[in-house]
């Protein structure tokens, strides 16, 4: 028996097991939607508690003075380094 024929012969019973049915195909998406819902609720709780801090993106080279987005119109801010 050729290897290709053996694979087709013995692989046939497993094809239906390996191919996802419609209900199983939707299951990962439902899990993702549920996870996103849980995370959104957690983030809402953090924001309501006042412990959320948004990020500011540095838009210039890093140095003693930087420009950042999301902070008072992108003003220039001084950064002081301690020795």
PDB file of N, CA and C in Angstrom:
ATOM      1  N   UNK A   1       0.855  -1.183   0.000  1.00  0.00           N
ATOM      2  CA  UNK A   1       0.000   0.000   0.000  1.00  0.00           C
ATOM      3  C   UNK A   1       0.895   1.239   0.000  1.00  0.00           C
ATOM      4  N   UNK A   2       0.549   2.193  -0.830  1.00  0.00           N
ATOM      5  CA  UNK A   2       1.302   3.436  -0.895  1.00  0.00           C
ATOM      6  C   UNK A   2       0.993   4.287   0.333  1.00  0.00           C
ATOM      7  N   UNK A   3       1.970   5.092   0.787  1.00  0.00           N
ATOM      8  CA  UNK A   3       1.731   5.927   1.981  1.00  0.00           C
ATOM      9  C   UNK A   3       0.548   6.873   1.816  1.00  0.00           C
ATOM     10  N   UNK A   4       0.370   7.428   0.629  1.00  0.00           N
ATOM     11  CA  UNK A   4      -0.752   8.346   0.406  1.00  0.00           C
ATOM     12  C   UNK A   4      -2.096   7.663   0.572  1.00  0.00           C
ATOM     13  N   UNK A   5      -2.192   6.421   0.088  1.00  0.00           N
ATOM     14  CA  UNK A   5      -3.438   5.664   0.240  1.00  0.00           C
ATOM     15  C   UNK A   5      -3.696   5.339   1.705  1.00  0.00           C
ATOM     16  N   UNK A   6      -2.641   5.017   2.442  1.00  0.00           N
ATOM     17  CA  UNK A   6      -2.799   4.693   3.863  1.00  0.00           C
ATOM     18  C   UNK A   6      -3.309   5.901   4.633  1.00  0.00           C
ATOM     19  N   UNK A   7      -2.774   7.060   4.308  1.00  0.00           N
ATOM     20  CA  UNK A   7      -3.222   8.280   4.993  1.00  0.00           C
ATOM     21  C   UNK A   7      -4.692   8.535   4.697  1.00  0.00           C
ATOM     22  N   UNK A   8      -5.096   8.388   3.428  1.00  0.00           N
ATOM     23  CA  UNK A   8      -6.502   8.613   3.082  1.00  0.00           C
ATOM     24  C   UNK A   8      -7.406   7.581   3.743  1.00  0.00           C
ATOM     25  N   UNK A   9      -6.959   6.335   3.781  1.00  0.00           N
ATOM     26  CA  UNK A   9      -7.771   5.259   4.336  1.00  0.00           C
ATOM     27  C   UNK A   9      -7.943   5.403   5.844  1.00  0.00           C
ATOM     28  N   UNK A  10      -6.839   5.635   6.543  1.00  0.00           N
ATOM     29  CA  UNK A  10      -6.913   5.707   8.003  1.00  0.00           C
ATOM     30  C   UNK A  10      -7.277   7.099   8.508  1.00  0.00           C
ATOM     31  N   UNK A  11      -7.092   8.103   7.669  1.00  0.00           N
ATOM     32  CA  UNK A  11      -7.402   9.466   8.090  1.00  0.00           C
ATOM     33  C   UNK A  11      -8.868   9.817   7.976  1.00  0.00           C
ATOM     34  N   UNK A  12      -9.621   9.089   7.159  1.00  0.00           N
ATOM     35  CA  UNK A  12     -11.033   9.399   6.929  1.00  0.00           C
ATOM     36  C   UNK A  12     -11.867   9.411   8.201  1.00  0.00           C
ATOM     37  N   UNK A  13     -11.728   8.433   9.117  1.00  0.00           N
ATOM     38  CA  UNK A  13     -12.563   8.471  10.324  1.00  0.00           C
ATOM     39  C   UNK A  13     -12.286   9.677  11.222  1.00  0.00           C
ATOM     40  N   UNK A  14     -11.092  10.237  11.112  1.00  0.00           N
ATOM     41  CA  UNK A  14     -10.719  11.338  11.998  1.00  0.00           C
ATOM     42  C   UNK A  14     -11.073  12.701  11.422  1.00  0.00           C
ATOM     43  N   UNK A  15     -11.387  12.755  10.123  1.00  0.00           N
ATOM     44  CA  UNK A  15     -11.684  14.041   9.506  1.00  0.00           C
ATOM     45  C   UNK A  15     -12.852  14.748  10.168  1.00  0.00           C
ATOM     46  N   UNK A  16     -13.899  14.015  10.472  1.00  0.00           N
ATOM     47  CA  UNK A  16     -15.076  14.648  11.078  1.00  0.00           C
ATOM     48  C   UNK A  16     -14.771  15.140  12.486  1.00  0.00           C
ATOM     49  N   UNK A  17     -13.851  14.478  13.166  1.00  0.00           N
ATOM     50  CA  UNK A  17     -13.478  14.905  14.521  1.00  0.00           C
ATOM     51  C   UNK A  17     -12.634  16.164  14.464  1.00  0.00           C
ATOM     52  N   UNK A  18     -11.746  16.236  13.479  1.00  0.00           N
ATOM     53  CA  UNK A  18     -10.824  17.359  13.388  1.00  0.00           C
ATOM     54  C   UNK A  18     -11.458  18.606  12.797  1.00  0.00           C
ATOM     55  N   UNK A  19     -12.507  18.456  12.000  1.00  0.00           N
ATOM     56  CA  UNK A  19     -13.156  19.619  11.416  1.00  0.00           C
ATOM     57  C   UNK A  19     -14.144  20.194  12.419  1.00  0.00           C
ATOM     58  N   UNK A  20     -14.023  21.483  12.722  1.00  0.00           N
ATOM     59  CA  UNK A  20     -14.929  22.068  13.708  1.00  0.00           C
ATOM     60  C   UNK A  20     -16.342  22.193  13.160  1.00  0.00           C
ATOM     61  N   UNK A  21     -17.307  21.932  14.002  1.00  0.00           N
ATOM     62  CA  UNK A  21     -18.695  22.162  13.602  1.00  0.00           C
ATOM     63  C   UNK A  21     -19.006  23.642  13.817  1.00  0.00           C
ATOM     64  N   UNK A  22     -20.151  24.089  13.387  1.00  0.00           N
ATOM     65  CA  UNK A  22     -20.502  25.505  13.461  1.00  0.00           C
ATOM     66  C   UNK A  22     -20.517  26.006  14.899  1.00  0.00           C
ATOM     67  N   UNK A  23     -21.011  25.201  15.845  1.00  0.00           N
ATOM     68  CA  UNK A  23     -21.074  25.639  17.244  1.00  0.00           C
ATOM     69  C   UNK A  23     -19.676  25.794  17.822  1.00  0.00           C
ATOM     70  N   UNK A  24     -18.779  24.861  17.509  1.00  0.00           N
ATOM     71  CA  UNK A  24     -17.412  24.950  18.013  1.00  0.00           C
ATOM     72  C   UNK A  24     -16.648  26.095  17.373  1.00  0.00           C
ATOM     73  N   UNK A  25     -16.958  26.436  16.133  1.00  0.00           N
ATOM     74  CA  UNK A  25     -16.271  27.525  15.450  1.00  0.00           C
ATOM     75  C   UNK A  25     -16.591  28.863  16.105  1.00  0.00           C
ATOM     76  N   UNK A  26     -17.781  29.004  16.676  1.00  0.00           N
ATOM     77  CA  UNK A  26     -18.167  30.263  17.321  1.00  0.00           C
ATOM     78  C   UNK A  26     -17.661  30.361  18.749  1.00  0.00           C
ATOM     79  N   UNK A  27     -17.302  29.255  19.350  1.00  0.00           N
ATOM     80  CA  UNK A  27     -16.918  29.232  20.757  1.00  0.00           C
ATOM     81  C   UNK A  27     -15.730  30.144  21.071  1.00  0.00           C
ATOM     82  N   UNK A  28     -14.641  30.141  20.266  1.00  0.00           N
ATOM     83  CA  UNK A  28     -13.528  31.040  20.584  1.00  0.00           C
ATOM     84  C   UNK A  28     -13.934  32.506  20.544  1.00  0.00           C
ATOM     85  N   UNK A  29     -14.808  32.869  19.597  1.00  0.00           N
ATOM     86  CA  UNK A  29     -15.241  34.256  19.499  1.00  0.00           C
ATOM     87  C   UNK A  29     -16.080  34.647  20.710  1.00  0.00           C
ATOM     88  N   UNK A  30     -16.889  33.739  21.197  1.00  0.00           N
ATOM     89  CA  UNK A  30     -17.684  34.012  22.391  1.00  0.00           C
ATOM     90  C   UNK A  30     -16.770  34.183  23.593  1.00  0.00           C
ATOM     91  N   UNK A  31     -15.712  33.384  23.666  1.00  0.00           N
ATOM     92  CA  UNK A  31     -14.764  33.503  24.773  1.00  0.00           C
ATOM     93  C   UNK A  31     -14.036  34.837  24.720  1.00  0.00           C
ATOM     94  N   UNK A  32     -13.674  35.278  23.532  1.00  0.00           N
ATOM     95  CA  UNK A  32     -13.002  36.571  23.382  1.00  0.00           C
ATOM     96  C   UNK A  32     -13.944  37.692  23.780  1.00  0.00           C
ATOM     97  N   UNK A  33     -15.190  37.627  23.349  1.00  0.00           N
ATOM     98  CA  UNK A  33     -16.168  38.653  23.706  1.00  0.00           C
ATOM     99  C   UNK A  33     -16.383  38.697  25.212  1.00  0.00           C
ATOM    100  N   UNK A  34     -16.428  37.532  25.846  1.00  0.00           N
ATOM    101  CA  UNK A  34     -16.609  37.484  27.295  1.00  0.00           C
ATOM    102  C   UNK A  34     -15.386  38.059  28.003  1.00  0.00           C
ATOM    103  N   UNK A  35     -14.191  37.732  27.523  1.00  0.00           N
ATOM    104  CA  UNK A  35     -12.969  38.263  28.128  1.00  0.00           C
ATOM    105  C   UNK A  35     -12.911  39.779  27.986  1.00  0.00           C
ATOM    106  N   UNK A  36     -13.277  40.298  26.813  1.00  0.00           N
ATOM    107  CA  UNK A  36     -13.292  41.747  26.619  1.00  0.00           C
ATOM    108  C   UNK A  36     -14.286  42.422  27.549  1.00  0.00           C
ATOM    109  N   UNK A  37     -15.422  41.802  27.764  1.00  0.00           N
ATOM    110  CA  UNK A  37     -16.421  42.350  28.672  1.00  0.00           C
ATOM    111  C   UNK A  37     -15.882  42.421  30.096  1.00  0.00           C
ATOM    112  N   UNK A  38     -15.222  41.358  30.528  1.00  0.00           N
ATOM    113  CA  UNK A  38     -14.641  41.344  31.877  1.00  0.00           C
ATOM    114  C   UNK A  38     -13.577  42.427  32.009  1.00  0.00           C
ATOM    115  N   UNK A  39     -12.711  42.556  30.996  1.00  0.00           N
ATOM    116  CA  UNK A  39     -11.657  43.569  31.049  1.00  0.00           C
ATOM    117  C   UNK A  39     -12.226  44.980  31.044  1.00  0.00           C
ATOM    118  N   UNK A  40     -13.247  45.231  30.236  1.00  0.00           N
ATOM    119  CA  UNK A  40     -13.873  46.555  30.219  1.00  0.00           C
ATOM    120  C   UNK A  40     -14.475  46.895  31.576  1.00  0.00           C
ATOM    121  N   UNK A  41     -15.116  45.923  32.214  1.00  0.00           N
ATOM    122  CA  UNK A  41     -15.677  46.158  33.550  1.00  0.00           C
ATOM    123  C   UNK A  41     -14.577  46.476  34.552  1.00  0.00           C
ATOM    124  N   UNK A  42     -13.456  45.762  34.477  1.00  0.00           N
ATOM    125  CA  UNK A  42     -12.335  46.029  35.383  1.00  0.00           C
ATOM    126  C   UNK A  42     -11.771  47.426  35.150  1.00  0.00           C
ATOM    127  N   UNK A  43     -11.622  47.809  33.879  1.00  0.00           N
ATOM    128  CA  UNK A  43     -11.111  49.145  33.580  1.00  0.00           C
ATOM    129  C   UNK A  43     -12.077  50.226  34.049  1.00  0.00           C
ATOM    130  N   UNK A  44     -13.374  50.002  33.895  1.00  0.00           N
ATOM    131  CA  UNK A  44     -14.361  50.960  34.395  1.00  0.00           C
ATOM    132  C   UNK A  44     -14.255  51.107  35.905  1.00  0.00           C
ATOM    133  N   UNK A  45     -14.027  50.004  36.608  1.00  0.00           N
ATOM    134  CA  UNK A  45     -13.863  50.041  38.062  1.00  0.00           C
ATOM    135  C   UNK A  45     -12.618  50.837  38.440  1.00  0.00           C
ATOM    136  N   UNK A  46     -11.531  50.630  37.713  1.00  0.00           N
ATOM    137  CA  UNK A  46     -10.285  51.358  37.987  1.00  0.00           C
ATOM    138  C   UNK A  46     -10.479  52.844  37.736  1.00  0.00           C
ATOM    139  N   UNK A  47     -11.148  53.192  36.632  1.00  0.00           N
ATOM    140  CA  UNK A  47     -11.391  54.610  36.333  1.00  0.00           C
ATOM    141  C   UNK A  47     -12.286  55.245  37.392  1.00  0.00           C
ATOM    142  N   UNK A  48     -13.323  54.528  37.818  1.00  0.00           N
ATOM    143  CA  UNK A  48     -14.241  55.053  38.830  1.00  0.00           C
ATOM    144  C   UNK A  48     -13.531  55.263  40.163  1.00  0.00           C
ATOM    145  N   UNK A  49     -12.539  54.432  40.459  1.00  0.00           N
ATOM    146  CA  UNK A  49     -11.794  54.566  41.711  1.00  0.00           C
ATOM    147  C   UNK A  49     -10.782  55.706  41.652  1.00  0.00           C
ATOM    148  N   UNK A  50     -10.555  56.258  40.456  1.00  0.00           N
ATOM    149  CA  UNK A  50      -9.609  57.359  40.319  1.00  0.00           C
ATOM    150  C   UNK A  50      -8.161  56.904  40.245  1.00  0.00           C
ATOM    151  N   UNK A  51      -7.927  55.642  39.980  1.00  0.00           N
ATOM    152  CA  UNK A  51      -6.554  55.140  39.924  1.00  0.00           C
ATOM    153  C   UNK A  51      -6.062  54.915  38.496  1.00  0.00           C
ATOM    154  N   UNK A  52      -6.825  55.359  37.506  1.00  0.00           N
ATOM    155  CA  UNK A  52      -6.430  55.223  36.105  1.00  0.00           C
ATOM    156  C   UNK A  52      -5.533  56.381  35.720  1.00  0.00           C
ATOM    157  N   UNK A  53      -4.458  56.087  35.014  1.00  0.00           N
ATOM    158  CA  UNK A  53      -3.604  57.148  34.489  1.00  0.00           C
ATOM    159  C   UNK A  53      -3.344  56.851  33.024  1.00  0.00           C
ATOM    160  N   UNK A  54      -3.766  57.756  32.169  1.00  0.00           N
ATOM    161  CA  UNK A  54      -3.552  57.573  30.738  1.00  0.00           C
ATOM    162  C   UNK A  54      -2.103  57.815  30.365  1.00  0.00           C
ATOM    163  N   UNK A  55      -1.682  57.208  29.280  1.00  0.00           N
ATOM    164  CA  UNK A  55      -0.311  57.379  28.822  1.00  0.00           C
ATOM    165  C   UNK A  55      -0.186  58.640  27.991  1.00  0.00           C
ATOM    166  N   UNK A  56       0.990  59.221  28.045  1.00  0.00           N
ATOM    167  CA  UNK A  56       1.334  60.332  27.165  1.00  0.00           C
ATOM    168  C   UNK A  56       2.452  59.845  26.255  1.00  0.00           C
ATOM    169  N   UNK A  57       2.342  60.125  24.979  1.00  0.00           N
ATOM    170  CA  UNK A  57       3.317  59.655  24.006  1.00  0.00           C
ATOM    171  C   UNK A  57       4.361  60.739  23.789  1.00  0.00           C
ATOM    172  N   UNK A  58       5.627  60.361  23.947  1.00  0.00           N
ATOM    173  CA  UNK A  58       6.725  61.296  23.692  1.00  0.00           C
ATOM    174  C   UNK A  58       6.845  61.457  22.181  1.00  0.00           C
ATOM    175  N   UNK A  59       6.774  62.706  21.699  1.00  0.00           N
ATOM    176  CA  UNK A  59       6.792  62.968  20.257  1.00  0.00           C
ATOM    177  C   UNK A  59       8.089  63.610  19.795  1.00  0.00           C
ATOM    178  N   UNK A  60       9.057  63.733  20.674  1.00  0.00           N
ATOM    179  CA  UNK A  60      10.340  64.320  20.306  1.00  0.00           C
ATOM    180  C   UNK A  60      11.458  63.404  20.791  1.00  0.00           C
ATOM    181  N   UNK A  61      12.675  63.777  20.473  1.00  0.00           N
ATOM    182  CA  UNK A  61      13.806  63.019  20.983  1.00  0.00           C
ATOM    183  C   UNK A  61      13.820  63.131  22.497  1.00  0.00           C
ATOM    184  N   UNK A  62      14.259  62.090  23.157  1.00  0.00           N
ATOM    185  CA  UNK A  62      14.349  62.136  24.609  1.00  0.00           C
ATOM    186  C   UNK A  62      15.575  62.948  25.000  1.00  0.00           C
ATOM    187  N   UNK A  63      15.387  63.800  25.954  1.00  0.00           N
ATOM    188  CA  UNK A  63      16.455  64.659  26.437  1.00  0.00           C
ATOM    189  C   UNK A  63      15.930  65.466  27.603  1.00  0.00           C
ATOM    190  N   UNK A  64      16.616  66.588  27.933  1.00  0.00           N
ATOM    191  CA  UNK A  64      16.146  67.397  29.067  1.00  0.00           C
ATOM    192  C   UNK A  64      14.800  68.063  28.805  1.00  0.00           C
ATOM    193  N   UNK A  65      14.439  68.256  27.553  1.00  0.00           N
ATOM    194  CA  UNK A  65      13.134  68.822  27.190  1.00  0.00           C
ATOM    195  C   UNK A  65      12.483  67.877  26.187  1.00  0.00           C
ATOM    196  N   UNK A  66      11.228  67.557  26.421  1.00  0.00           N
ATOM    197  CA  UNK A  66      10.512  66.645  25.530  1.00  0.00           C
ATOM    198  C   UNK A  66       9.159  67.230  25.171  1.00  0.00           C
ATOM    199  N   UNK A  67       8.621  66.799  24.057  1.00  0.00           N
ATOM    200  CA  UNK A  67       7.252  67.119  23.663  1.00  0.00           C
ATOM    201  C   UNK A  67       6.426  65.852  23.817  1.00  0.00           C
ATOM    202  N   UNK A  68       5.241  66.011  24.388  1.00  0.00           N
ATOM    203  CA  UNK A  68       4.374  64.855  24.570  1.00  0.00           C
ATOM    204  C   UNK A  68       2.981  65.164  24.055  1.00  0.00           C
ATOM    205  N   UNK A  69       2.330  64.145  23.491  1.00  0.00           N
ATOM    206  CA  UNK A  69       0.928  64.253  23.096  1.00  0.00           C
ATOM    207  C   UNK A  69       0.063  63.960  24.309  1.00  0.00           C
ATOM    208  N   UNK A  70      -1.089  64.556  24.353  1.00  0.00           N
ATOM    209  CA  UNK A  70      -2.040  64.257  25.416  1.00  0.00           C
ATOM    210  C   UNK A  70      -1.781  65.003  26.704  1.00  0.00           C
ATOM    211  N   UNK A  71      -1.030  66.084  26.623  1.00  0.00           N
ATOM    212  CA  UNK A  71      -0.758  66.850  27.832  1.00  0.00           C
ATOM    213  C   UNK A  71      -0.783  68.331  27.504  1.00  0.00           C
ATOM    214  N   UNK A  72      -1.827  69.000  27.889  1.00  0.00           N
ATOM    215  CA  UNK A  72      -1.959  70.451  27.744  1.00  0.00           C
ATOM    216  C   UNK A  72      -1.486  70.958  26.386  1.00  0.00           C
ATOM    217  N   UNK A  73      -2.037  70.371  25.337  1.00  0.00           N
ATOM    218  CA  UNK A  73      -1.741  70.866  23.997  1.00  0.00           C
ATOM    219  C   UNK A  73      -0.360  70.517  23.484  1.00  0.00           C
ATOM    220  N   UNK A  74       0.292  69.517  24.028  1.00  0.00           N
ATOM    221  CA  UNK A  74       1.603  69.102  23.537  1.00  0.00           C
ATOM    222  C   UNK A  74       2.704  70.066  23.911  1.00  0.00           C
ATOM    223  N   UNK A  75       2.587  70.691  25.081  1.00  0.00           N
ATOM    224  CA  UNK A  75       3.616  71.622  25.538  1.00  0.00           C
ATOM    225  C   UNK A  75       4.957  70.922  25.683  1.00  0.00           C
ATOM    226  N   UNK A  76       5.987  71.743  25.793  1.00  0.00           N
ATOM    227  CA  UNK A  76       7.304  71.203  26.054  1.00  0.00           C
ATOM    228  C   UNK A  76       7.475  71.069  27.565  1.00  0.00           C
ATOM    229  N   UNK A  77       7.985  69.931  28.003  1.00  0.00           N
ATOM    230  CA  UNK A  77       8.164  69.672  29.422  1.00  0.00           C
ATOM    231  C   UNK A  77       9.625  69.437  29.720  1.00  0.00           C
ATOM    232  N   UNK A  78      10.070  69.890  30.884  1.00  0.00           N
ATOM    233  CA  UNK A  78      11.449  69.659  31.304  1.00  0.00           C
ATOM    234  C   UNK A  78      11.525  68.387  32.116  1.00  0.00           C
ATOM    235  N   UNK A  79      12.596  67.669  31.905  1.00  0.00           N
ATOM    236  CA  UNK A  79      12.842  66.451  32.664  1.00  0.00           C
ATOM    237  C   UNK A  79      14.148  66.656  33.410  1.00  0.00           C
ATOM    238  N   UNK A  80      14.107  66.489  34.720  1.00  0.00           N
ATOM    239  CA  UNK A  80      15.305  66.673  35.534  1.00  0.00           C
ATOM    240  C   UNK A  80      15.817  65.322  35.980  1.00  0.00           C
ATOM    241  N   UNK A  81      17.103  65.146  35.815  1.00  0.00           N
ATOM    242  CA  UNK A  81      17.724  63.901  36.251  1.00  0.00           C
ATOM    243  C   UNK A  81      18.493  64.162  37.529  1.00  0.00           C
ATOM    244  N   UNK A  82      18.357  63.218  38.451  1.00  0.00           N
ATOM    245  CA  UNK A  82      19.127  63.333  39.686  1.00  0.00           C
ATOM    246  C   UNK A  82      20.330  62.418  39.589  1.00  0.00           C
ATOM    247  N   UNK A  83      21.418  62.859  40.156  1.00  0.00           N
ATOM    248  CA  UNK A  83      22.662  62.072  40.077  1.00  0.00           C
ATOM    249  C   UNK A  83      22.698  60.971  41.098  1.00  0.00           C
TER     250      UNK A  83
END
